[in-house]
Amino acid sequence: MWKRLALPFVFMLFLGTPVLALNANDLRNNLVQIPRFGPVAASKYSVDGLALGGQVKHGNVAYQEYQCRPSDKFSGLIWCHEEHTTPDNEVMRSHSILQSQDGTAYYVSSYFQPAFFNPNNIQNEIDRMSSEFGQPARLIQMSQREGLPSAVMAIWGAIQLEPLKPDEISVVASGGSPPGILISFLGDEERSAKAGVPVYRLAGGAGFLWVATFDQNGRGVLQYLAIDDSKIEPSRQVASNSENQAESNSSAVNPPAVTQPGLQRQSRSQTGHAQAQAKEDQYRQEQEKRQVEEVDRQLKEAQQLLGAQNRRLSTITEVAITIFVLLCGVGVAVFLRVKRQIATPTSYR
C-alpha cells in the first residue's frame, strides 16, 4: 500500500525536473553572417551581376580598375584582374574575368579573405542559391586534416572537376601553373598542393561553383565563380598545341603522334569525370561516417542523461519511501497513544 501512495508523489516530482535537449547547433559558435554576392542577373550563372556570355563593358565604372592583357594560358582570350589589399595584407578581395576578344565573359570569379561564416548559415546560403538556380547543389566536403580548416564546395550546372595528376601537383606545389583554371578547397592552390589537399582543373560546361573555407572561429576564405569551360577549352588546346610545337622545333627528337582534339578532349573529360566521381564518392562516404559517429556520440550522451535521470528517480523514490515509512510510524505511534489514553479512564471504573 505504501508503494501505491509513494509512486504518485515521485511521479509529480519527476515531472517538475527539466529535460536537457541534445542540440548540436548549441555547441557551435555564433559567428558573423556569410557575405553574399549580388543577385543572379540575366543569365542563370553570374557573378556580381556579370553573367556568362554577357558583355564586359570596360567603360563601366565597375571595370575601370581591372588590368587586362592577352592570356598566357588561353590563346586568343583576354585575362582581366583587379584586387584590393590593405597595407598590412589583412584584408584582400579580388575579381577575375576571362573574356573573348569581343568582350564575351567565359569565366568570372570573386575571392574574399578573410570571410566570416556561421556554420548554420552555410547550408542556408547553399539552399538559397539552389533555389535561385532551380537545382540542388553537388556538395563536396574536404576531409578533416590536422592543422587545416574545414571546407565545403558546392557545384551547380555542368561543371566537372578534373583532379590534377601527381606531376601536375608537383608543378603547382613549386609555384607553377598547369593548363586550365584551377580550384582548391583552401583558396590557395599552392598551399593545397603542399598540404596534400586535392587540386582540381575546371572542365565541363556552364555552371557555378561556391567554396567556403573556415576555422573553428568561423574565419576563412570565400570564393565563388561562374565558368563555361566548353568555350575556353578550344583556346586551351590551341595554346597547348603551340607549346608542344615550340618544344618540337627546339629539339631533335621526332614529333609525337597527333591526336584529334575531339577524341583527346572526350577521353580526358571521361577520365576526369570518373576520377572526380570517385573523389566525390570518397568524400560522401567520409561525410556519412562522420554523421554516424555524431549520432553515436549523441546517443551516448542521451544514455548518460537517461542514467542520471534514473539515478535521480531512484533517489527520489527512496526519499519518498523513507518519508512515507516515517509518517506511518508516527501515525501508528499516535494511534497507540490515543488508544491508551482512552482505555485508561475505563479501567478505574
Protein backbone atom coordinates (compact mmCIF):
# COMPACT_ATOMS: atom_id res chain seq x y z
CA MET A 1 0.00 0.00 0.00
CA TRP A 2 2.83 2.40 0.80
CA LYS A 3 4.22 1.85 -2.70
CA ARG A 4 0.90 3.00 -4.21
CA LEU A 5 0.99 6.13 -2.12
CA ALA A 6 4.64 6.88 -2.84
CA LEU A 7 4.60 6.50 -6.66
CA PRO A 8 2.22 9.43 -7.40
CA PHE A 9 4.36 11.63 -5.19
CA VAL A 10 7.52 10.57 -7.03
CA PHE A 11 5.88 10.99 -10.43
CA MET A 12 4.90 14.56 -9.60
CA LEU A 13 8.46 15.35 -8.55
CA PHE A 14 9.85 13.81 -11.76
CA LEU A 15 7.52 15.89 -13.93
CA GLY A 16 8.96 19.01 -12.37
CA THR A 17 12.50 18.03 -13.46
CA PRO A 18 13.77 19.93 -16.57
CA VAL A 19 14.88 17.77 -19.53
CA LEU A 20 18.15 18.55 -21.32
CA ALA A 21 17.81 18.94 -25.10
CA LEU A 22 20.74 17.50 -27.06
CA ASN A 23 21.17 20.10 -29.78
CA ALA A 24 24.47 20.01 -31.69
CA ASN A 25 23.90 23.52 -33.02
CA ASP A 26 24.14 24.90 -29.46
CA LEU A 27 27.75 23.69 -29.38
CA ARG A 28 28.78 25.88 -32.32
CA ASN A 29 29.94 29.47 -32.19
CA ASN A 30 27.66 32.27 -33.32
CA LEU A 31 29.75 34.00 -35.95
CA VAL A 32 29.38 36.78 -38.47
CA GLN A 33 27.00 36.05 -41.32
CA ILE A 34 28.33 34.90 -44.70
CA PRO A 35 28.93 37.70 -47.18
CA ARG A 36 26.61 37.36 -50.16
CA PHE A 37 27.18 38.08 -53.80
CA GLY A 38 24.84 40.10 -55.96
CA PRO A 39 21.57 38.61 -57.22
CA VAL A 40 21.54 36.49 -60.34
CA ALA A 41 21.27 38.73 -63.40
CA ALA A 42 20.02 37.92 -66.90
CA SER A 43 21.88 34.60 -67.16
CA LYS A 44 21.39 31.61 -64.90
CA TYR A 45 25.02 31.69 -63.76
CA SER A 46 26.55 35.04 -62.97
CA VAL A 47 28.94 36.67 -60.51
CA ASP A 48 28.26 40.11 -59.11
CA GLY A 49 25.85 40.87 -61.94
CA LEU A 50 28.12 39.75 -64.82
CA ALA A 51 26.61 36.67 -66.46
CA LEU A 52 28.33 34.01 -68.51
CA GLY A 53 28.08 35.03 -72.14
CA GLY A 54 27.47 38.63 -71.09
CA GLN A 55 29.41 41.56 -72.48
CA VAL A 56 32.13 43.13 -70.34
CA LYS A 57 31.70 46.88 -70.65
CA HIS A 58 35.11 48.26 -69.73
CA GLY A 59 33.82 51.82 -69.91
CA ASN A 60 31.69 50.99 -66.89
CA VAL A 61 32.96 52.33 -63.55
CA ALA A 62 32.88 48.80 -62.11
CA TYR A 63 35.61 47.65 -64.53
CA GLN A 64 37.88 50.70 -64.59
CA GLU A 65 40.31 49.23 -62.06
CA TYR A 66 40.72 45.93 -63.95
CA GLN A 67 44.11 45.26 -65.54
CA CYS A 68 43.65 43.38 -68.82
CA ARG A 69 46.17 41.59 -71.05
CA PRO A 70 46.25 38.69 -73.53
CA SER A 71 46.02 35.42 -71.67
CA ASP A 72 49.17 33.31 -71.43
CA LYS A 73 47.21 30.09 -70.90
CA PHE A 74 44.31 30.59 -73.32
CA SER A 75 45.17 31.57 -76.85
CA GLY A 76 43.05 34.40 -78.24
CA LEU A 77 41.38 35.24 -74.93
CA ILE A 78 41.87 38.21 -72.60
CA TRP A 79 42.54 37.94 -68.87
CA CYS A 80 41.34 40.80 -66.65
CA HIS A 81 42.04 41.05 -62.93
CA GLU A 82 41.77 43.52 -60.07
CA GLU A 83 42.39 43.21 -56.35
CA HIS A 84 42.40 45.29 -53.19
CA THR A 85 44.74 44.67 -50.25
CA THR A 86 45.19 46.56 -47.01
CA PRO A 87 48.72 47.78 -46.19
CA ASP A 88 49.16 45.01 -43.62
CA ASN A 89 47.72 42.39 -46.04
CA GLU A 90 44.99 41.55 -43.53
CA VAL A 91 42.09 42.01 -45.94
CA MET A 92 42.02 41.15 -49.60
CA ARG A 93 39.39 40.86 -52.26
CA SER A 94 39.98 40.11 -55.91
CA HIS A 95 37.95 39.66 -59.07
CA SER A 96 38.93 38.00 -62.35
CA ILE A 97 37.39 37.74 -65.82
CA LEU A 98 38.39 35.63 -68.82
CA GLN A 99 36.77 37.02 -71.96
CA SER A 100 36.87 36.77 -75.70
CA GLN A 101 38.21 39.48 -77.99
CA ASP A 102 34.70 40.95 -78.33
CA GLY A 103 34.23 41.10 -74.53
CA THR A 104 32.12 37.96 -74.01
CA ALA A 105 32.65 36.62 -70.48
CA TYR A 106 33.54 32.92 -70.26
CA TYR A 107 34.79 32.93 -66.66
CA VAL A 108 34.04 35.30 -63.76
CA SER A 109 35.24 34.86 -60.18
CA SER A 110 35.38 36.69 -56.85
CA TYR A 111 37.62 35.97 -53.87
CA PHE A 112 37.41 37.31 -50.31
CA GLN A 113 39.85 36.91 -47.41
CA PRO A 114 39.03 36.96 -44.63
CA ALA A 115 35.40 35.92 -44.82
CA PHE A 116 33.35 35.10 -41.75
CA PHE A 117 30.91 32.21 -41.55
CA ASN A 118 28.22 30.91 -39.27
CA PRO A 119 28.10 27.11 -39.76
CA ASN A 120 24.30 27.17 -39.68
CA ASN A 121 24.16 29.84 -42.39
CA ILE A 122 26.42 27.92 -44.78
CA GLN A 123 23.67 25.41 -45.52
CA ASN A 124 21.11 28.21 -45.68
CA GLU A 125 23.23 30.01 -48.27
CA ILE A 126 23.62 26.86 -50.35
CA ASP A 127 19.86 26.26 -50.17
CA ARG A 128 19.22 29.85 -51.26
CA MET A 129 21.46 29.52 -54.31
CA SER A 130 19.92 26.13 -55.17
CA SER A 131 16.53 27.81 -55.17
CA GLU A 132 17.79 30.57 -57.47
CA PHE A 133 19.43 28.11 -59.88
CA GLY A 134 16.45 25.74 -59.81
CA GLN A 135 18.55 22.67 -58.96
CA PRO A 136 20.22 21.08 -55.93
CA ALA A 137 23.93 21.53 -55.39
CA ARG A 138 26.54 18.83 -55.64
CA LEU A 139 28.39 19.05 -52.33
CA ILE A 140 31.99 18.02 -51.72
CA GLN A 141 33.37 18.36 -48.21
CA MET A 142 37.09 18.36 -47.55
CA SER A 143 38.14 15.57 -45.23
CA GLN A 144 39.34 16.79 -41.85
CA ARG A 145 43.12 17.22 -41.61
CA GLU A 146 45.09 18.22 -38.56
CA GLY A 147 46.20 21.83 -38.71
CA LEU A 148 43.89 22.71 -41.61
CA PRO A 149 40.49 24.44 -41.62
CA SER A 150 37.18 22.92 -42.68
CA ALA A 151 35.92 23.45 -46.23
CA VAL A 152 32.85 22.73 -48.33
CA MET A 153 32.40 23.07 -52.08
CA ALA A 154 29.01 23.42 -53.80
CA ILE A 155 28.58 22.98 -57.57
CA TRP A 156 25.65 23.69 -59.89
CA GLY A 157 25.29 23.11 -63.60
CA ALA A 158 27.61 21.19 -65.92
CA ILE A 159 30.93 21.97 -64.21
CA GLN A 160 33.21 18.95 -63.89
CA LEU A 161 36.27 18.65 -61.65
CA GLU A 162 39.40 17.00 -63.06
CA PRO A 163 41.86 16.03 -60.28
CA LEU A 164 45.39 17.03 -61.22
CA LYS A 165 47.93 14.31 -61.91
CA PRO A 166 50.83 13.80 -59.48
CA ASP A 167 53.30 15.54 -61.80
CA GLU A 168 50.92 18.50 -62.14
CA ILE A 169 50.53 18.64 -58.34
CA SER A 170 54.31 18.91 -58.09
CA VAL A 171 54.27 21.79 -60.55
CA VAL A 172 51.61 23.61 -58.51
CA ALA A 173 53.45 22.95 -55.23
CA SER A 174 56.57 24.58 -56.69
CA GLY A 175 54.61 27.69 -57.71
CA GLY A 176 53.88 26.69 -61.32
CA SER A 177 50.56 26.61 -63.13
CA PRO A 178 49.43 23.65 -65.27
CA PRO A 179 46.96 24.20 -68.15
CA GLY A 180 43.43 25.24 -67.31
CA ILE A 181 41.71 27.10 -64.50
CA LEU A 182 42.40 25.52 -61.11
CA ILE A 183 40.37 25.40 -57.92
CA SER A 184 41.06 24.05 -54.44
CA PHE A 185 39.36 23.91 -51.04
CA LEU A 186 41.81 26.23 -49.31
CA GLY A 187 41.56 29.07 -51.84
CA ASP A 188 45.30 28.75 -52.47
CA GLU A 189 46.31 26.05 -54.96
CA GLU A 190 49.99 26.08 -53.98
CA ARG A 191 49.21 25.71 -50.29
CA SER A 192 46.71 22.94 -51.08
CA ALA A 193 49.24 21.03 -53.18
CA LYS A 194 51.87 21.24 -50.43
CA ALA A 195 49.34 20.11 -47.79
CA GLY A 196 48.11 17.16 -49.86
CA VAL A 197 44.66 18.69 -50.35
CA PRO A 198 43.07 17.91 -53.76
CA VAL A 199 43.50 20.48 -56.53
CA TYR A 200 41.14 20.35 -59.49
CA ARG A 201 41.01 21.64 -63.05
CA LEU A 202 37.63 23.09 -64.02
CA ALA A 203 36.08 21.34 -67.02
CA GLY A 204 32.66 20.56 -68.50
CA GLY A 205 30.02 23.13 -69.41
CA ALA A 206 28.40 26.19 -67.91
CA GLY A 207 27.91 26.24 -64.18
CA PHE A 208 28.51 27.90 -60.82
CA LEU A 209 30.91 26.91 -58.03
CA TRP A 210 31.00 28.15 -54.43
CA VAL A 211 33.72 27.32 -51.88
CA ALA A 212 33.80 28.22 -48.19
CA THR A 213 36.86 27.60 -46.01
CA PHE A 214 36.64 28.33 -42.28
CA ASP A 215 38.38 27.58 -38.98
CA GLN A 216 36.84 26.94 -35.56
CA ASN A 217 36.20 30.67 -35.12
CA GLY A 218 34.38 30.94 -38.47
CA ARG A 219 37.18 32.92 -40.11
CA GLY A 220 38.29 31.81 -43.55
CA VAL A 221 38.11 32.32 -47.29
CA LEU A 222 35.17 32.64 -49.68
CA GLN A 223 35.43 32.09 -53.41
CA TYR A 224 32.67 31.78 -55.98
CA LEU A 225 32.79 31.65 -59.77
CA ALA A 226 30.85 31.05 -62.94
CA ILE A 227 32.51 29.31 -65.87
CA ASP A 228 31.76 27.70 -69.22
CA ASP A 229 34.83 25.61 -69.97
CA SER A 230 33.34 24.36 -73.23
CA LYS A 231 34.02 27.87 -74.59
CA ILE A 232 37.51 28.03 -73.04
CA GLU A 233 38.89 24.57 -73.81
CA PRO A 234 39.47 25.15 -77.57
CA SER A 235 41.69 28.10 -76.66
CA ARG A 236 43.48 25.92 -74.12
CA GLN A 237 44.02 23.26 -76.77
CA VAL A 238 45.44 25.83 -79.19
CA ALA A 239 47.82 27.17 -76.54
CA SER A 240 48.87 23.64 -75.60
CA ASN A 241 49.47 22.71 -79.23
CA SER A 242 51.54 25.88 -79.70
CA GLU A 243 53.72 24.98 -76.72
CA ASN A 244 54.17 21.44 -77.99
CA GLN A 245 55.11 22.76 -81.43
CA ALA A 246 57.68 25.12 -79.93
CA GLU A 247 59.22 22.30 -77.93
CA SER A 248 59.29 20.12 -81.02
CA ASN A 249 61.06 22.80 -83.08
CA SER A 250 63.69 23.33 -80.37
CA SER A 251 64.56 19.63 -80.02
CA ALA A 252 65.95 16.98 -82.33
CA VAL A 253 63.51 14.24 -81.33
CA ASN A 254 60.73 13.01 -83.59
CA PRO A 255 57.42 14.80 -83.09
CA PRO A 256 54.77 12.85 -81.17
CA ALA A 257 51.76 11.46 -82.93
CA VAL A 258 48.91 13.94 -83.20
CA THR A 259 45.65 13.03 -81.52
CA GLN A 260 42.45 14.51 -82.84
CA PRO A 261 41.40 17.29 -80.48
CA GLY A 262 37.85 15.99 -80.21
CA LEU A 263 38.93 12.46 -79.21
CA GLN A 264 41.58 13.79 -76.85
CA ARG A 265 39.10 16.14 -75.22
CA GLN A 266 36.49 13.39 -74.90
CA SER A 267 38.95 10.88 -73.40
CA ARG A 268 40.32 13.37 -70.90
CA SER A 269 36.85 14.54 -69.98
CA GLN A 270 35.68 10.96 -69.36
CA THR A 271 38.76 10.13 -67.29
CA GLY A 272 38.47 13.36 -65.31
CA HIS A 273 34.78 12.76 -64.73
CA ALA A 274 35.44 9.23 -63.42
CA GLN A 275 38.19 10.49 -61.11
CA ALA A 276 36.07 13.36 -59.86
CA GLN A 277 33.16 10.98 -59.25
CA ALA A 278 35.44 8.64 -57.29
CA LYS A 279 36.62 11.58 -55.18
CA GLU A 280 33.04 12.68 -54.58
CA ASP A 281 32.07 9.15 -53.53
CA GLN A 282 35.00 9.01 -51.13
CA TYR A 283 34.11 12.37 -49.57
CA ARG A 284 30.47 11.30 -49.35
CA GLN A 285 31.45 8.10 -47.52
CA GLU A 286 33.64 10.06 -45.13
CA GLN A 287 30.81 12.50 -44.50
CA GLU A 288 28.38 9.65 -43.81
CA LYS A 289 30.93 8.10 -41.44
CA ARG A 290 31.23 11.39 -39.53
CA GLN A 291 27.43 11.63 -39.37
CA VAL A 292 27.23 8.10 -37.92
CA GLU A 293 29.91 8.99 -35.37
CA GLU A 294 27.97 12.13 -34.43
CA VAL A 295 24.77 10.09 -33.97
CA ASP A 296 26.65 7.60 -31.80
CA ARG A 297 28.05 10.43 -29.71
CA GLN A 298 24.61 11.96 -29.21
CA LEU A 299 23.19 8.51 -28.38
CA LYS A 300 25.84 8.02 -25.70
CA GLU A 301 25.06 11.46 -24.26
CA ALA A 302 21.36 10.58 -24.24
CA GLN A 303 22.09 7.29 -22.48
CA GLN A 304 24.21 9.08 -19.89
CA LEU A 305 21.42 11.61 -19.38
CA LEU A 306 18.86 8.82 -19.02
CA GLY A 307 21.10 7.08 -16.50
CA ALA A 308 21.39 10.28 -14.49
CA GLN A 309 17.60 10.73 -14.60
CA ASN A 310 17.12 7.13 -13.46
CA ARG A 311 19.54 7.62 -10.59
CA ARG A 312 17.70 10.78 -9.62
CA LEU A 313 14.37 8.98 -9.82
CA SER A 314 15.76 6.18 -7.66
CA THR A 315 16.97 8.68 -5.08
CA ILE A 316 13.64 10.50 -5.06
CA THR A 317 11.81 7.18 -4.68
CA GLU A 318 13.97 6.17 -1.73
CA VAL A 319 13.39 9.55 -0.06
CA ALA A 320 9.64 9.30 -0.63
CA ILE A 321 9.52 5.79 0.76
CA THR A 322 11.51 6.86 3.81
CA ILE A 323 9.18 9.80 4.42
CA PHE A 324 6.16 7.56 3.99
CA VAL A 325 7.50 4.96 6.43
CA LEU A 326 8.26 7.69 8.96
CA LEU A 327 4.76 9.10 8.55
CA CYS A 328 3.29 5.63 9.02
CA GLY A 329 5.40 5.13 12.14
CA VAL A 330 4.29 8.46 13.53
CA GLY A 331 0.68 7.61 12.72
CA VAL A 332 0.90 4.25 14.47
CA ALA A 333 2.54 5.83 17.49
CA VAL A 334 -0.17 8.49 17.71
CA PHE A 335 -2.88 5.87 17.27
CA LEU A 336 -1.49 3.70 20.09
CA ARG A 337 -1.09 6.67 22.38
CA VAL A 338 -4.69 7.81 21.84
CA LYS A 339 -5.97 4.29 22.32
CA ARG A 340 -4.03 4.01 25.58
CA GLN A 341 -5.42 7.34 26.82
CA ILE A 342 -8.98 6.24 26.02
CA ALA A 343 -8.54 2.88 27.74
CA THR A 344 -7.01 4.26 30.96
CA PRO A 345 -10.19 6.01 32.49
CA THR A 346 -12.30 2.88 31.84
CA SER A 347 -10.04 0.67 33.98
CA TYR A 348 -10.58 2.91 37.06
CA ARG A 349 -14.33 2.49 36.84
